[in-house]
Amino acid sequence: MVKAMPPETKLGDIGNEILFENETVRVWGLTLEPGDIQGWHQHHLPYLIVPLTEGDNLMRFADGRHRETKETIGGVLWREPGIPHQLENRSDWTYRNVLIEIKIDKH
């Protein structure tokens, strides 16, 4: 059973490092070793994920939901901002991606 995020949890960064940023986009690099779990974090901007390796991951959401993800090298995934979640690398290989946040001015 997947548990919800504890209420006192402090949210972490979206990736391991910012690779590039300007007024339009912020680009993160993420690396997860086999079995590693990326800490709880939240996306406030829409974003793209470009896997650099295949991915066999599990997303756990703050409300207790979970979703399996299967990424392919060079594929592109679109995601909207949402509730806090964490990502677990369930594979026996290192998972890597580039995540591109889109800074939208709605005015």
PDB file of N, CA and C in Angstrom:
ATOM      1  N   MET A   1       0.838  -1.191   0.000  1.00  0.00           N
ATOM      2  CA  MET A   1       0.000   0.000   0.000  1.00  0.00           C
ATOM      3  C   MET A   1       0.880   1.251   0.000  1.00  0.00           C
ATOM      4  N   VAL A   2       0.560   2.198  -0.834  1.00  0.00           N
ATOM      5  CA  VAL A   2       1.298   3.452  -0.928  1.00  0.00           C
ATOM      6  C   VAL A   2       0.699   4.437   0.058  1.00  0.00           C
ATOM      7  N   LYS A   3       1.541   5.013   0.884  1.00  0.00           N
ATOM      8  CA  LYS A   3       1.060   5.960   1.890  1.00  0.00           C
ATOM      9  C   LYS A   3       1.139   7.386   1.377  1.00  0.00           C
ATOM     10  N   ALA A   4       0.291   8.229   1.936  1.00  0.00           N
ATOM     11  CA  ALA A   4       0.294   9.649   1.585  1.00  0.00           C
ATOM     12  C   ALA A   4       1.525  10.325   2.194  1.00  0.00           C
ATOM     13  N   MET A   5       1.849  11.488   1.668  1.00  0.00           N
ATOM     14  CA  MET A   5       2.972  12.271   2.164  1.00  0.00           C
ATOM     15  C   MET A   5       2.681  12.741   3.587  1.00  0.00           C
ATOM     16  N   PRO A   6       3.605  12.539   4.535  1.00  0.00           N
ATOM     17  CA  PRO A   6       3.394  13.064   5.890  1.00  0.00           C
ATOM     18  C   PRO A   6       3.255  14.590   5.860  1.00  0.00           C
ATOM     19  N   PRO A   7       2.352  15.153   6.660  1.00  0.00           N
ATOM     20  CA  PRO A   7       2.086  16.598   6.598  1.00  0.00           C
ATOM     21  C   PRO A   7       3.295  17.482   6.904  1.00  0.00           C
ATOM     22  N   GLU A   8       4.254  17.016   7.685  1.00  0.00           N
ATOM     23  CA  GLU A   8       5.412  17.842   8.062  1.00  0.00           C
ATOM     24  C   GLU A   8       6.550  17.768   7.048  1.00  0.00           C
ATOM     25  N   THR A   9       6.345  17.066   5.936  1.00  0.00           N
ATOM     26  CA  THR A   9       7.387  16.870   4.936  1.00  0.00           C
ATOM     27  C   THR A   9       7.792  18.184   4.269  1.00  0.00           C
ATOM     28  N   LYS A  10       9.105  18.406   4.210  1.00  0.00           N
ATOM     29  CA  LYS A  10       9.628  19.571   3.478  1.00  0.00           C
ATOM     30  C   LYS A  10       9.892  19.134   2.037  1.00  0.00           C
ATOM     31  N   LEU A  11       9.453  19.953   1.107  1.00  0.00           N
ATOM     32  CA  LEU A  11       9.617  19.636  -0.313  1.00  0.00           C
ATOM     33  C   LEU A  11      11.027  19.967  -0.781  1.00  0.00           C
ATOM     34  N   GLY A  12      11.553  19.135  -1.665  1.00  0.00           N
ATOM     35  CA  GLY A  12      12.894  19.324  -2.196  1.00  0.00           C
ATOM     36  C   GLY A  12      12.881  19.856  -3.618  1.00  0.00           C
ATOM     37  N   ASP A  13      14.040  19.808  -4.243  1.00  0.00           N
ATOM     38  CA  ASP A  13      14.213  20.294  -5.604  1.00  0.00           C
ATOM     39  C   ASP A  13      13.591  19.334  -6.620  1.00  0.00           C
ATOM     40  N   ILE A  14      13.316  19.860  -7.788  1.00  0.00           N
ATOM     41  CA  ILE A  14      12.703  19.103  -8.878  1.00  0.00           C
ATOM     42  C   ILE A  14      13.710  18.174  -9.547  1.00  0.00           C
ATOM     43  N   GLY A  15      14.971  18.509  -9.501  1.00  0.00           N
ATOM     44  CA  GLY A  15      16.021  17.689 -10.105  1.00  0.00           C
ATOM     45  C   GLY A  15      17.294  17.792  -9.297  1.00  0.00           C
ATOM     46  N   ASN A  16      18.365  17.187  -9.821  1.00  0.00           N
ATOM     47  CA  ASN A  16      19.656  17.237  -9.137  1.00  0.00           C
ATOM     48  C   ASN A  16      20.364  18.571  -9.333  1.00  0.00           C
ATOM     49  N   GLU A  17      20.189  19.144 -10.546  1.00  0.00           N
ATOM     50  CA  GLU A  17      20.851  20.416 -10.815  1.00  0.00           C
ATOM     51  C   GLU A  17      20.153  21.154 -11.944  1.00  0.00           C
ATOM     52  N   ILE A  18      20.251  22.476 -11.900  1.00  0.00           N
ATOM     53  CA  ILE A  18      19.736  23.300 -12.996  1.00  0.00           C
ATOM     54  C   ILE A  18      20.831  23.379 -14.052  1.00  0.00           C
ATOM     55  N   LEU A  19      20.483  22.943 -15.268  1.00  0.00           N
ATOM     56  CA  LEU A  19      21.448  22.928 -16.368  1.00  0.00           C
ATOM     57  C   LEU A  19      21.426  24.219 -17.174  1.00  0.00           C
ATOM     58  N   PHE A  20      20.262  24.883 -17.188  1.00  0.00           N
ATOM     59  CA  PHE A  20      20.092  26.106 -17.978  1.00  0.00           C
ATOM     60  C   PHE A  20      18.838  26.802 -17.468  1.00  0.00           C
ATOM     61  N   GLU A  21      18.869  28.146 -17.496  1.00  0.00           N
ATOM     62  CA  GLU A  21      17.665  28.907 -17.140  1.00  0.00           C
ATOM     63  C   GLU A  21      17.713  30.278 -17.796  1.00  0.00           C
ATOM     64  N   ASN A  22      16.549  30.673 -18.326  1.00  0.00           N
ATOM     65  CA  ASN A  22      16.363  32.039 -18.800  1.00  0.00           C
ATOM     66  C   ASN A  22      14.932  32.452 -18.462  1.00  0.00           C
ATOM     67  N   GLU A  23      14.430  33.510 -19.058  1.00  0.00           N
ATOM     68  CA  GLU A  23      13.093  34.000 -18.719  1.00  0.00           C
ATOM     69  C   GLU A  23      11.976  33.097 -19.252  1.00  0.00           C
ATOM     70  N   THR A  24      12.290  32.166 -20.137  1.00  0.00           N
ATOM     71  CA  THR A  24      11.285  31.310 -20.772  1.00  0.00           C
ATOM     72  C   THR A  24      11.253  29.887 -20.219  1.00  0.00           C
ATOM     73  N   VAL A  25      12.433  29.318 -19.927  1.00  0.00           N
ATOM     74  CA  VAL A  25      12.510  27.927 -19.470  1.00  0.00           C
ATOM     75  C   VAL A  25      13.524  27.768 -18.339  1.00  0.00           C
ATOM     76  N   ARG A  26      13.332  26.689 -17.582  1.00  0.00           N
ATOM     77  CA  ARG A  26      14.333  26.228 -16.608  1.00  0.00           C
ATOM     78  C   ARG A  26      14.542  24.746 -16.911  1.00  0.00           C
ATOM     79  N   VAL A  27      15.802  24.338 -17.096  1.00  0.00           N
ATOM     80  CA  VAL A  27      16.125  22.963 -17.469  1.00  0.00           C
ATOM     81  C   VAL A  27      16.877  22.289 -16.326  1.00  0.00           C
ATOM     82  N   TRP A  28      16.310  21.161 -15.864  1.00  0.00           N
ATOM     83  CA  TRP A  28      16.889  20.386 -14.766  1.00  0.00           C
ATOM     84  C   TRP A  28      17.464  19.081 -15.305  1.00  0.00           C
ATOM     85  N   GLY A  29      18.506  18.589 -14.669  1.00  0.00           N
ATOM     86  CA  GLY A  29      18.998  17.237 -14.901  1.00  0.00           C
ATOM     87  C   GLY A  29      18.639  16.393 -13.689  1.00  0.00           C
ATOM     88  N   LEU A  30      18.198  15.167 -13.935  1.00  0.00           N
ATOM     89  CA  LEU A  30      17.855  14.247 -12.845  1.00  0.00           C
ATOM     90  C   LEU A  30      18.529  12.911 -13.090  1.00  0.00           C
ATOM     91  N   THR A  31      19.167  12.386 -12.058  1.00  0.00           N
ATOM     92  CA  THR A  31      19.760  11.051 -12.078  1.00  0.00           C
ATOM     93  C   THR A  31      19.292  10.306 -10.842  1.00  0.00           C
ATOM     94  N   LEU A  32      18.761   9.081 -11.049  1.00  0.00           N
ATOM     95  CA  LEU A  32      18.364   8.212  -9.942  1.00  0.00           C
ATOM     96  C   LEU A  32      19.025   6.857 -10.128  1.00  0.00           C
ATOM     97  N   GLU A  33      19.790   6.443  -9.139  1.00  0.00           N
ATOM     98  CA  GLU A  33      20.412   5.122  -9.176  1.00  0.00           C
ATOM     99  C   GLU A  33      19.339   4.053  -8.934  1.00  0.00           C
ATOM    100  N   PRO A  34      19.618   2.807  -9.275  1.00  0.00           N
ATOM    101  CA  PRO A  34      18.638   1.738  -9.047  1.00  0.00           C
ATOM    102  C   PRO A  34      18.166   1.720  -7.588  1.00  0.00           C
ATOM    103  N   GLY A  35      16.854   1.708  -7.410  1.00  0.00           N
ATOM    104  CA  GLY A  35      16.270   1.680  -6.070  1.00  0.00           C
ATOM    105  C   GLY A  35      16.166   3.024  -5.382  1.00  0.00           C
ATOM    106  N   ASP A  36      16.793   4.062  -5.924  1.00  0.00           N
ATOM    107  CA  ASP A  36      16.731   5.390  -5.304  1.00  0.00           C
ATOM    108  C   ASP A  36      15.338   5.990  -5.434  1.00  0.00           C
ATOM    109  N   ILE A  37      14.993   6.822  -4.465  1.00  0.00           N
ATOM    110  CA  ILE A  37      13.722   7.543  -4.474  1.00  0.00           C
ATOM    111  C   ILE A  37      14.025   9.036  -4.417  1.00  0.00           C
ATOM    112  N   GLN A  38      13.551   9.759  -5.411  1.00  0.00           N
ATOM    113  CA  GLN A  38      13.685  11.214  -5.405  1.00  0.00           C
ATOM    114  C   GLN A  38      12.748  11.748  -4.341  1.00  0.00           C
ATOM    115  N   GLY A  39      13.229  12.673  -3.536  1.00  0.00           N
ATOM    116  CA  GLY A  39      12.429  13.216  -2.451  1.00  0.00           C
ATOM    117  C   GLY A  39      11.157  13.900  -2.921  1.00  0.00           C
ATOM    118  N   TRP A  40      10.264  14.130  -1.979  1.00  0.00           N
ATOM    119  CA  TRP A  40       9.007  14.820  -2.272  1.00  0.00           C
ATOM    120  C   TRP A  40       9.300  16.185  -2.869  1.00  0.00           C
ATOM    121  N   HIS A  41       8.611  16.515  -3.939  1.00  0.00           N
ATOM    122  CA  HIS A  41       8.770  17.811  -4.613  1.00  0.00           C
ATOM    123  C   HIS A  41       7.461  18.136  -5.322  1.00  0.00           C
ATOM    124  N   GLN A  42       7.332  19.377  -5.743  1.00  0.00           N
ATOM    125  CA  GLN A  42       6.101  19.814  -6.412  1.00  0.00           C
ATOM    126  C   GLN A  42       6.448  20.686  -7.607  1.00  0.00           C
ATOM    127  N   HIS A  43       5.715  20.465  -8.691  1.00  0.00           N
ATOM    128  CA  HIS A  43       5.882  21.277  -9.899  1.00  0.00           C
ATOM    129  C   HIS A  43       4.820  22.377  -9.907  1.00  0.00           C
ATOM    130  N   HIS A  44       5.273  23.616 -10.014  1.00  0.00           N
ATOM    131  CA  HIS A  44       4.363  24.756 -10.081  1.00  0.00           C
ATOM    132  C   HIS A  44       4.218  25.275 -11.507  1.00  0.00           C
ATOM    133  N   LEU A  45       4.991  24.702 -12.415  1.00  0.00           N
ATOM    134  CA  LEU A  45       4.968  25.092 -13.826  1.00  0.00           C
ATOM    135  C   LEU A  45       4.729  23.851 -14.680  1.00  0.00           C
ATOM    136  N   PRO A  46       4.118  24.023 -15.863  1.00  0.00           N
ATOM    137  CA  PRO A  46       4.042  22.881 -16.780  1.00  0.00           C
ATOM    138  C   PRO A  46       5.456  22.511 -17.228  1.00  0.00           C
ATOM    139  N   TYR A  47       5.642  21.232 -17.589  1.00  0.00           N
ATOM    140  CA  TYR A  47       6.991  20.798 -17.920  1.00  0.00           C
ATOM    141  C   TYR A  47       7.000  19.620 -18.880  1.00  0.00           C
ATOM    142  N   LEU A  48       8.146  19.462 -19.530  1.00  0.00           N
ATOM    143  CA  LEU A  48       8.431  18.332 -20.402  1.00  0.00           C
ATOM    144  C   LEU A  48       9.505  17.473 -19.751  1.00  0.00           C
ATOM    145  N   ILE A  49       9.396  16.161 -19.932  1.00  0.00           N
ATOM    146  CA  ILE A  49      10.441  15.241 -19.501  1.00  0.00           C
ATOM    147  C   ILE A  49      10.995  14.569 -20.751  1.00  0.00           C
ATOM    148  N   VAL A  50      12.327  14.613 -20.901  1.00  0.00           N
ATOM    149  CA  VAL A  50      13.005  13.933 -22.002  1.00  0.00           C
ATOM    150  C   VAL A  50      13.926  12.874 -21.370  1.00  0.00           C
ATOM    151  N   PRO A  51      13.522  11.597 -21.400  1.00  0.00           N
ATOM    152  CA  PRO A  51      14.352  10.545 -20.817  1.00  0.00           C
ATOM    153  C   PRO A  51      15.648  10.358 -21.606  1.00  0.00           C
ATOM    154  N   LEU A  52      16.755  10.249 -20.889  1.00  0.00           N
ATOM    155  CA  LEU A  52      18.049   9.962 -21.494  1.00  0.00           C
ATOM    156  C   LEU A  52      18.381   8.475 -21.389  1.00  0.00           C
ATOM    157  N   THR A  53      17.613   7.760 -20.560  1.00  0.00           N
ATOM    158  CA  THR A  53      17.706   6.312 -20.414  1.00  0.00           C
ATOM    159  C   THR A  53      16.283   5.774 -20.378  1.00  0.00           C
ATOM    160  N   GLU A  54      16.140   4.480 -20.512  1.00  0.00           N
ATOM    161  CA  GLU A  54      14.825   3.895 -20.294  1.00  0.00           C
ATOM    162  C   GLU A  54      14.463   4.082 -18.825  1.00  0.00           C
ATOM    163  N   GLY A  55      13.167   4.117 -18.559  1.00  0.00           N
ATOM    164  CA  GLY A  55      12.718   4.307 -17.190  1.00  0.00           C
ATOM    165  C   GLY A  55      11.656   3.305 -16.795  1.00  0.00           C
ATOM    166  N   ASP A  56      11.813   2.724 -15.614  1.00  0.00           N
ATOM    167  CA  ASP A  56      10.810   1.870 -14.988  1.00  0.00           C
ATOM    168  C   ASP A  56      10.643   2.444 -13.593  1.00  0.00           C
ATOM    169  N   ASN A  57       9.732   3.413 -13.480  1.00  0.00           N
ATOM    170  CA  ASN A  57       9.621   4.211 -12.271  1.00  0.00           C
ATOM    171  C   ASN A  57       8.227   4.136 -11.666  1.00  0.00           C
ATOM    172  N   LEU A  58       8.149   4.549 -10.415  1.00  0.00           N
ATOM    173  CA  LEU A  58       6.875   4.651  -9.722  1.00  0.00           C
ATOM    174  C   LEU A  58       6.759   6.051  -9.145  1.00  0.00           C
ATOM    175  N   MET A  59       5.700   6.768  -9.531  1.00  0.00           N
ATOM    176  CA  MET A  59       5.407   8.083  -8.951  1.00  0.00           C
ATOM    177  C   MET A  59       4.449   7.876  -7.790  1.00  0.00           C
ATOM    178  N   ARG A  60       4.764   8.436  -6.624  1.00  0.00           N
ATOM    179  CA  ARG A  60       3.888   8.410  -5.456  1.00  0.00           C
ATOM    180  C   ARG A  60       3.430   9.836  -5.196  1.00  0.00           C
ATOM    181  N   PHE A  61       2.119  10.016  -5.099  1.00  0.00           N
ATOM    182  CA  PHE A  61       1.547  11.350  -4.909  1.00  0.00           C
ATOM    183  C   PHE A  61       1.196  11.588  -3.446  1.00  0.00           C
ATOM    184  N   ALA A  62       1.156  12.864  -3.058  1.00  0.00           N
ATOM    185  CA  ALA A  62       0.907  13.254  -1.670  1.00  0.00           C
ATOM    186  C   ALA A  62      -0.413  12.720  -1.129  1.00  0.00           C
ATOM    187  N   ASP A  63      -1.388  12.492  -1.996  1.00  0.00           N
ATOM    188  CA  ASP A  63      -2.695  12.012  -1.546  1.00  0.00           C
ATOM    189  C   ASP A  63      -2.785  10.486  -1.471  1.00  0.00           C
ATOM    190  N   GLY A  64      -1.659   9.791  -1.709  1.00  0.00           N
ATOM    191  CA  GLY A  64      -1.641   8.339  -1.606  1.00  0.00           C
ATOM    192  C   GLY A  64      -1.778   7.606  -2.927  1.00  0.00           C
ATOM    193  N   ARG A  65      -2.140   8.308  -4.005  1.00  0.00           N
ATOM    194  CA  ARG A  65      -2.206   7.662  -5.322  1.00  0.00           C
ATOM    195  C   ARG A  65      -0.802   7.327  -5.799  1.00  0.00           C
ATOM    196  N   HIS A  66      -0.711   6.415  -6.754  1.00  0.00           N
ATOM    197  CA  HIS A  66       0.562   6.121  -7.388  1.00  0.00           C
ATOM    198  C   HIS A  66       0.333   5.813  -8.861  1.00  0.00           C
ATOM    199  N   ARG A  67       1.411   5.972  -9.636  1.00  0.00           N
ATOM    200  CA  ARG A  67       1.332   5.715 -11.074  1.00  0.00           C
ATOM    201  C   ARG A  67       2.673   5.158 -11.542  1.00  0.00           C
ATOM    202  N   GLU A  68       2.621   4.022 -12.234  1.00  0.00           N
ATOM    203  CA  GLU A  68       3.814   3.459 -12.853  1.00  0.00           C
ATOM    204  C   GLU A  68       4.126   4.247 -14.112  1.00  0.00           C
ATOM    205  N   THR A  69       5.407   4.452 -14.375  1.00  0.00           N
ATOM    206  CA  THR A  69       5.810   5.134 -15.604  1.00  0.00           C
ATOM    207  C   THR A  69       6.851   4.284 -16.322  1.00  0.00           C
ATOM    208  N   LYS A  70       6.741   4.233 -17.622  1.00  0.00           N
ATOM    209  CA  LYS A  70       7.700   3.526 -18.472  1.00  0.00           C
ATOM    210  C   LYS A  70       8.164   4.529 -19.518  1.00  0.00           C
ATOM    211  N   GLU A  71       9.408   4.984 -19.383  1.00  0.00           N
ATOM    212  CA  GLU A  71       9.942   5.958 -20.326  1.00  0.00           C
ATOM    213  C   GLU A  71      10.856   5.281 -21.333  1.00  0.00           C
ATOM    214  N   THR A  72      10.917   5.861 -22.520  1.00  0.00           N
ATOM    215  CA  THR A  72      11.820   5.374 -23.562  1.00  0.00           C
ATOM    216  C   THR A  72      12.824   6.465 -23.903  1.00  0.00           C
ATOM    217  N   ILE A  73      14.004   6.063 -24.283  1.00  0.00           N
ATOM    218  CA  ILE A  73      15.067   7.011 -24.611  1.00  0.00           C
ATOM    219  C   ILE A  73      14.600   7.930 -25.736  1.00  0.00           C
ATOM    220  N   GLY A  74      14.716   9.231 -25.515  1.00  0.00           N
ATOM    221  CA  GLY A  74      14.357  10.217 -26.525  1.00  0.00           C
ATOM    222  C   GLY A  74      12.879  10.519 -26.618  1.00  0.00           C
ATOM    223  N   GLY A  75      12.044   9.801 -25.880  1.00  0.00           N
ATOM    224  CA  GLY A  75      10.619  10.131 -25.855  1.00  0.00           C
ATOM    225  C   GLY A  75      10.415  11.452 -25.126  1.00  0.00           C
ATOM    226  N   VAL A  76       9.247  12.022 -25.258  1.00  0.00           N
ATOM    227  CA  VAL A  76       8.940  13.282 -24.586  1.00  0.00           C
ATOM    228  C   VAL A  76       7.599  13.142 -23.885  1.00  0.00           C
ATOM    229  N   LEU A  77       7.559  13.524 -22.621  1.00  0.00           N
ATOM    230  CA  LEU A  77       6.332  13.470 -21.826  1.00  0.00           C
ATOM    231  C   LEU A  77       5.947  14.883 -21.408  1.00  0.00           C
ATOM    232  N   TRP A  78       4.673  15.235 -21.538  1.00  0.00           N
ATOM    233  CA  TRP A  78       4.142  16.533 -21.099  1.00  0.00           C
ATOM    234  C   TRP A  78       3.426  16.330 -19.778  1.00  0.00           C
ATOM    235  N   ARG A  79       3.699  17.210 -18.828  1.00  0.00           N
ATOM    236  CA  ARG A  79       3.021  17.132 -17.540  1.00  0.00           C
ATOM    237  C   ARG A  79       2.605  18.531 -17.104  1.00  0.00           C
ATOM    238  N   GLU A  80       1.436  18.595 -16.499  1.00  0.00           N
ATOM    239  CA  GLU A  80       0.923  19.843 -15.919  1.00  0.00           C
ATOM    240  C   GLU A  80       1.363  19.932 -14.459  1.00  0.00           C
ATOM    241  N   PRO A  81       1.373  21.150 -13.888  1.00  0.00           N
ATOM    242  CA  PRO A  81       1.677  21.278 -12.464  1.00  0.00           C
ATOM    243  C   PRO A  81       0.699  20.426 -11.657  1.00  0.00           C
ATOM    244  N   GLY A  82       1.108  20.026 -10.485  1.00  0.00           N
ATOM    245  CA  GLY A  82       0.227  19.185  -9.683  1.00  0.00           C
ATOM    246  C   GLY A  82       0.646  19.134  -8.230  1.00  0.00           C
ATOM    247  N   ILE A  83       0.096  18.137  -7.549  1.00  0.00           N
ATOM    248  CA  ILE A  83       0.369  17.993  -6.118  1.00  0.00           C
ATOM    249  C   ILE A  83       1.757  17.390  -5.915  1.00  0.00           C
ATOM    250  N   PRO A  84       2.303  17.511  -4.708  1.00  0.00           N
ATOM    251  CA  PRO A  84       3.622  16.936  -4.452  1.00  0.00           C
ATOM    252  C   PRO A  84       3.655  15.443  -4.757  1.00  0.00           C
ATOM    253  N   HIS A  85       4.837  14.998  -5.194  1.00  0.00           N
ATOM    254  CA  HIS A  85       5.050  13.580  -5.469  1.00  0.00           C
ATOM    255  C   HIS A  85       6.530  13.254  -5.328  1.00  0.00           C
ATOM    256  N   GLN A  86       6.822  11.966  -5.350  1.00  0.00           N
ATOM    257  CA  GLN A  86       8.206  11.494  -5.374  1.00  0.00           C
ATOM    258  C   GLN A  86       8.311  10.448  -6.474  1.00  0.00           C
ATOM    259  N   LEU A  87       9.530  10.153  -6.876  1.00  0.00           N
ATOM    260  CA  LEU A  87       9.766   9.228  -7.972  1.00  0.00           C
ATOM    261  C   LEU A  87      10.758   8.163  -7.519  1.00  0.00           C
ATOM    262  N   GLU A  88      10.390   6.887  -7.724  1.00  0.00           N
ATOM    263  CA  GLU A  88      11.262   5.775  -7.370  1.00  0.00           C
ATOM    264  C   GLU A  88      11.737   5.071  -8.636  1.00  0.00           C
ATOM    265  N   ASN A  89      13.043   4.853  -8.720  1.00  0.00           N
ATOM    266  CA  ASN A  89      13.631   4.093  -9.829  1.00  0.00           C
ATOM    267  C   ASN A  89      13.545   2.613  -9.462  1.00  0.00           C
ATOM    268  N   ARG A  90      12.639   1.892 -10.108  1.00  0.00           N
ATOM    269  CA  ARG A  90      12.432   0.477  -9.802  1.00  0.00           C
ATOM    270  C   ARG A  90      13.302  -0.440 -10.656  1.00  0.00           C
ATOM    271  N   SER A  91      14.109   0.110 -11.511  1.00  0.00           N
ATOM    272  CA  SER A  91      14.924  -0.695 -12.427  1.00  0.00           C
ATOM    273  C   SER A  91      16.249  -1.090 -11.777  1.00  0.00           C
ATOM    274  N   ASP A  92      17.036  -1.861 -12.525  1.00  0.00           N
ATOM    275  CA  ASP A  92      18.376  -2.213 -12.049  1.00  0.00           C
ATOM    276  C   ASP A  92      19.454  -1.423 -12.809  1.00  0.00           C
ATOM    277  N   TRP A  93      19.052  -0.294 -13.395  1.00  0.00           N
ATOM    278  CA  TRP A  93      19.987   0.597 -14.078  1.00  0.00           C
ATOM    279  C   TRP A  93      19.760   2.032 -13.610  1.00  0.00           C
ATOM    280  N   THR A  94      20.736   2.876 -13.872  1.00  0.00           N
ATOM    281  CA  THR A  94      20.624   4.296 -13.536  1.00  0.00           C
ATOM    282  C   THR A  94      19.625   4.957 -14.474  1.00  0.00           C
ATOM    283  N   TYR A  95      18.674   5.703 -13.900  1.00  0.00           N
ATOM    284  CA  TYR A  95      17.689   6.441 -14.695  1.00  0.00           C
ATOM    285  C   TYR A  95      18.129   7.897 -14.762  1.00  0.00           C
ATOM    286  N   ARG A  96      18.073   8.472 -15.987  1.00  0.00           N
ATOM    287  CA  ARG A  96      18.425   9.881 -16.176  1.00  0.00           C
ATOM    288  C   ARG A  96      17.402  10.544 -17.083  1.00  0.00           C
ATOM    289  N   ASN A  97      17.098  11.798 -16.775  1.00  0.00           N
ATOM    290  CA  ASN A  97      16.251  12.578 -17.678  1.00  0.00           C
ATOM    291  C   ASN A  97      16.636  14.036 -17.631  1.00  0.00           C
ATOM    292  N   VAL A  98      16.101  14.771 -18.590  1.00  0.00           N
ATOM    293  CA  VAL A  98      16.168  16.233 -18.602  1.00  0.00           C
ATOM    294  C   VAL A  98      14.730  16.700 -18.477  1.00  0.00           C
ATOM    295  N   LEU A  99      14.489  17.591 -17.546  1.00  0.00           N
ATOM    296  CA  LEU A  99      13.152  18.118 -17.283  1.00  0.00           C
ATOM    297  C   LEU A  99      13.167  19.608 -17.625  1.00  0.00           C
ATOM    298  N   ILE A 100      12.221  20.032 -18.456  1.00  0.00           N
ATOM    299  CA  ILE A 100      12.175  21.410 -18.940  1.00  0.00           C
ATOM    300  C   ILE A 100      10.893  22.076 -18.435  1.00  0.00           C
ATOM    301  N   GLU A 101      11.058  22.997 -17.492  1.00  0.00           N
ATOM    302  CA  GLU A 101       9.902  23.765 -16.999  1.00  0.00           C
ATOM    303  C   GLU A 101       9.626  24.919 -17.950  1.00  0.00           C
ATOM    304  N   ILE A 102       8.350  25.119 -18.259  1.00  0.00           N
ATOM    305  CA  ILE A 102       7.941  26.207 -19.151  1.00  0.00           C
ATOM    306  C   ILE A 102       7.416  27.351 -18.294  1.00  0.00           C
ATOM    307  N   LYS A 103       8.105  28.500 -18.351  1.00  0.00           N
ATOM    308  CA  LYS A 103       7.688  29.669 -17.580  1.00  0.00           C
ATOM    309  C   LYS A 103       6.669  30.443 -18.409  1.00  0.00           C
ATOM    310  N   ILE A 104       5.440  30.347 -18.020  1.00  0.00           N
ATOM    311  CA  ILE A 104       4.352  30.985 -18.790  1.00  0.00           C
ATOM    312  C   ILE A 104       3.888  32.245 -18.066  1.00  0.00           C
ATOM    313  N   ASP A 105       3.827  33.336 -18.802  1.00  0.00           N
ATOM    314  CA  ASP A 105       3.246  34.570 -18.288  1.00  0.00           C
ATOM    315  C   ASP A 105       1.813  34.621 -18.762  1.00  0.00           C
ATOM    316  N   LYS A 106       0.888  34.465 -17.839  1.00  0.00           N
ATOM    317  CA  LYS A 106      -0.525  34.399 -18.200  1.00  0.00           C
ATOM    318  C   LYS A 106      -1.172  35.781 -18.324  1.00  0.00           C
ATOM    319  N   HIS A 107      -0.368  36.815 -18.275  1.00  0.00           N
ATOM    320  CA  HIS A 107      -0.939  38.187 -18.392  1.00  0.00           C
ATOM    321  C   HIS A 107      -0.723  38.750 -19.757  1.00  0.00           C
TER     322      HIS A 107
END
